[in-house]
Structure formats: C-alpha cells, structure tokens
Protein backbone atom coordinates (compact mmCIF):
# COMPACT_ATOMS: atom_id res chain seq x y z
CA MET A 1 0.29 13.49 15.55
CA ALA A 2 3.26 14.92 14.12
CA ALA A 3 2.95 16.50 10.57
CA SER A 4 4.51 13.69 8.10
CA ALA A 5 6.54 14.96 4.86
CA VAL A 6 5.22 15.49 1.42
CA ILE A 7 5.76 12.09 -0.89
CA THR A 8 6.48 12.93 -4.40
CA LYS A 9 8.29 11.22 -7.43
CA PHE A 10 6.67 7.81 -6.52
CA ALA A 11 8.16 4.90 -9.15
CA TYR A 12 7.53 1.46 -9.11
CA LEU A 13 11.05 -0.17 -9.71
CA ASP A 14 10.28 -3.19 -10.33
CA ASP A 15 7.47 -6.02 -11.83
CA LEU A 16 4.91 -7.43 -9.13
CA HIS A 17 5.26 -11.19 -9.08
CA LEU A 18 3.19 -12.77 -7.02
CA VAL A 19 1.78 -16.62 -6.39
CA ARG A 20 -1.90 -17.00 -4.92
CA HIS A 21 -1.76 -18.61 -1.14
CA THR A 22 -4.34 -21.06 -0.35
CA LYS A 23 -7.01 -19.76 1.76
CA GLY A 24 -6.02 -18.57 5.01
CA GLN A 25 -8.29 -17.44 8.16
CA ARG A 26 -8.59 -13.85 6.05
CA GLY A 27 -9.79 -15.38 2.59
CA VAL A 28 -7.66 -15.17 -0.28
CA GLN A 29 -3.99 -14.10 0.26
CA PHE A 30 -0.79 -13.99 -2.41
CA VAL A 31 3.04 -14.34 -1.67
CA LEU A 32 5.63 -12.23 -3.39
CA SER A 33 7.47 -14.63 -5.07
CA LYS A 34 10.27 -12.02 -5.61
CA GLU A 35 11.73 -9.12 -3.83
CA TYR A 36 9.90 -5.47 -4.98
CA ARG A 37 11.12 -1.94 -5.16
CA VAL A 38 9.81 1.34 -5.15
CA SER A 39 11.36 4.67 -4.92
CA PHE A 40 9.83 7.84 -3.80
CA ASN A 41 10.93 11.22 -2.20
CA MET A 42 10.01 12.29 0.93
CA GLY A 43 10.78 16.06 1.74
CA SER A 44 14.01 16.57 0.67
CA ARG A 45 15.61 12.81 0.84
CA SER A 46 14.98 10.22 -1.63
CA HIS A 47 14.32 6.45 -0.50
CA VAL A 48 14.12 3.22 -2.11
CA TYR A 49 11.50 0.66 -0.05
CA TYR A 50 11.78 -2.91 -0.44
CA VAL A 51 9.13 -5.33 0.01
CA PRO A 52 11.14 -8.80 0.57
CA GLY A 53 10.16 -12.10 -1.35
CA GLY A 54 7.88 -13.83 0.68
CA THR A 55 6.03 -11.31 1.95
CA VAL A 56 2.29 -11.82 2.46
CA THR A 57 -0.60 -9.62 1.01
CA ASP A 58 -4.44 -9.59 0.78
CA PHE A 59 -4.02 -6.48 -1.37
CA ALA A 60 -6.82 -4.39 0.29
CA SER A 61 -8.93 -5.19 3.31
CA ILE A 62 -12.24 -3.58 1.78
CA PRO A 63 -15.22 -3.76 4.38
CA LYS A 64 -18.07 -5.70 2.63
CA LEU A 65 -20.05 -2.72 2.77
CA ALA A 66 -17.74 -0.81 0.29
CA GLN A 67 -16.89 -3.92 -1.63
CA GLY A 68 -19.52 -2.96 -4.44
CA ILE A 69 -17.68 0.40 -4.80
CA VAL A 70 -14.09 -0.67 -4.64
CA SER A 71 -12.85 -3.81 -5.59
CA ALA A 72 -10.05 -5.76 -3.96
CA LEU A 73 -8.33 -6.01 -7.25
CA GLY A 74 -7.38 -3.40 -9.51
CA ASN A 75 -4.41 -1.03 -10.24
CA HIS A 76 -4.35 -0.24 -6.59
CA ILE A 77 -2.47 -3.76 -5.65
CA GLU A 78 1.07 -2.75 -6.28
CA ALA A 79 0.68 0.27 -3.85
CA ALA A 80 -1.82 -1.99 -1.37
CA VAL A 81 1.34 -4.35 -1.58
CA VAL A 82 3.78 -1.71 -0.42
CA HIS A 83 1.12 -0.40 2.27
CA ASP A 84 0.68 -4.09 3.44
CA HIS A 85 4.43 -4.22 4.43
CA MET A 86 4.55 -0.85 5.63
CA CYS A 87 1.91 -1.67 8.14
CA TYR A 88 3.79 -4.59 9.23
CA ASN A 89 7.45 -3.17 9.28
CA ARG A 90 6.39 0.10 10.22
CA PRO A 91 9.31 2.21 9.29
CA TRP A 92 7.62 5.40 9.34
CA THR A 93 4.18 6.58 11.36
CA SER A 94 0.83 5.28 9.90
CA LYS A 95 -0.17 8.85 8.68
CA THR A 96 3.07 8.74 6.54
CA ALA A 97 2.15 4.84 4.98
CA ALA A 98 -1.08 6.19 4.17
CA ASN A 99 0.58 9.31 2.25
CA ILE A 100 2.77 6.98 0.57
CA PHE A 101 -0.05 4.47 -0.30
CA ASN A 102 -2.13 7.77 -1.81
CA GLU A 103 0.97 8.55 -3.87
CA ALA A 104 1.57 4.86 -5.03
CA MET A 105 -1.84 4.62 -6.19
CA ARG A 106 -1.63 7.91 -8.13
CA ALA A 107 1.46 6.50 -9.73
CA GLY A 108 -0.51 3.55 -10.34
CA GLY A 109 -3.17 5.40 -12.55
CA VAL A 110 -5.85 4.70 -9.62
CA PRO A 111 -8.78 7.38 -10.54
CA ALA A 112 -8.78 10.05 -8.21
CA TRP A 113 -12.55 9.25 -7.06
CA LYS A 114 -11.14 5.77 -5.90
CA ARG A 115 -7.71 7.08 -4.52
CA ILE A 116 -9.79 9.53 -2.14
CA ILE A 117 -11.80 6.93 -0.74
CA MET A 118 -9.20 4.22 -0.46
CA TYR A 119 -6.47 7.15 1.44
CA ARG A 120 -9.08 8.15 3.90
CA ALA A 121 -10.24 4.82 4.28
CA VAL A 122 -6.74 3.68 5.28
CA LEU A 123 -5.94 6.92 7.07
CA HIS A 124 -8.70 6.77 9.61
CA PHE A 125 -9.80 3.13 9.81
CA GLY A 126 -6.17 1.06 9.13
CA PRO A 127 -3.82 0.21 11.49
CA GLN A 128 -2.50 3.03 13.80
CA TRP A 129 0.92 4.00 14.67
CA GLY A 130 3.63 6.35 15.83
CA SER A 131 3.08 9.59 16.66
C-alpha cells in the first residue's frame, strides 16, 4: 500500500446535527439533518471535507468483545461520522481515511489510549480499499 500523507490542522467547522433513525438491520442509526464540514491539511494541501445532510451513521461499529472498553457513543462520534462517509465515498485510500479519523479524534479530545485502540481497529479491521 502506498504511503499516505501526514494529516495536520484538523478542525470541525460546523456543529453536528443528528436525528435518530429507527432501528435498522444494523441496530440504532442516526441521520445527519444538515451538511457537516471539517478541514485539515494533507501534506502541503488544505482540504474541506463535506458530509452531506441525509448521511446515515452508526458512529462506530464496536465489536462486542470491545464494547466494555470503548462505547459507540462518546467524544469520537464526530470523527466516526466523517470516517463513515469516507468509507462510503472513498475519496482517498482506506489508510488515509484511517489517518484522518485518528486526527479527527485527536481534535475531538479523545484520550490517547482510546484513540490508539480505535485507530488500530479501523486501520486493521475496517473496510479496506485503494493502494
């Protein structure tokens, strides 16, 4: 897999607006009621990433084994919404999306121990695409 660029200066540009969706096949889900934007630098380029209103998220798919350690809800949900959309939209490789997820969690104040667990889970066991 090709090396991914370093992600820096991650910032949340909007408040996250969600509506609880009825239980679906995968459990409780939420729908963004309006567009959500974040910004970050990737290498020397600045990016604004848009998650459109209507996007469905389950925040984070936490395996049952890890649910006692990491909850699906917490200060990582904004990062999870962005990562969920990147998994669907695939604007960059899965490794780059995982790196963005990691920096988004850092910007959201997720403790380092929790961020490392979640980042590695996404990196190694999450959806994989790209080269």
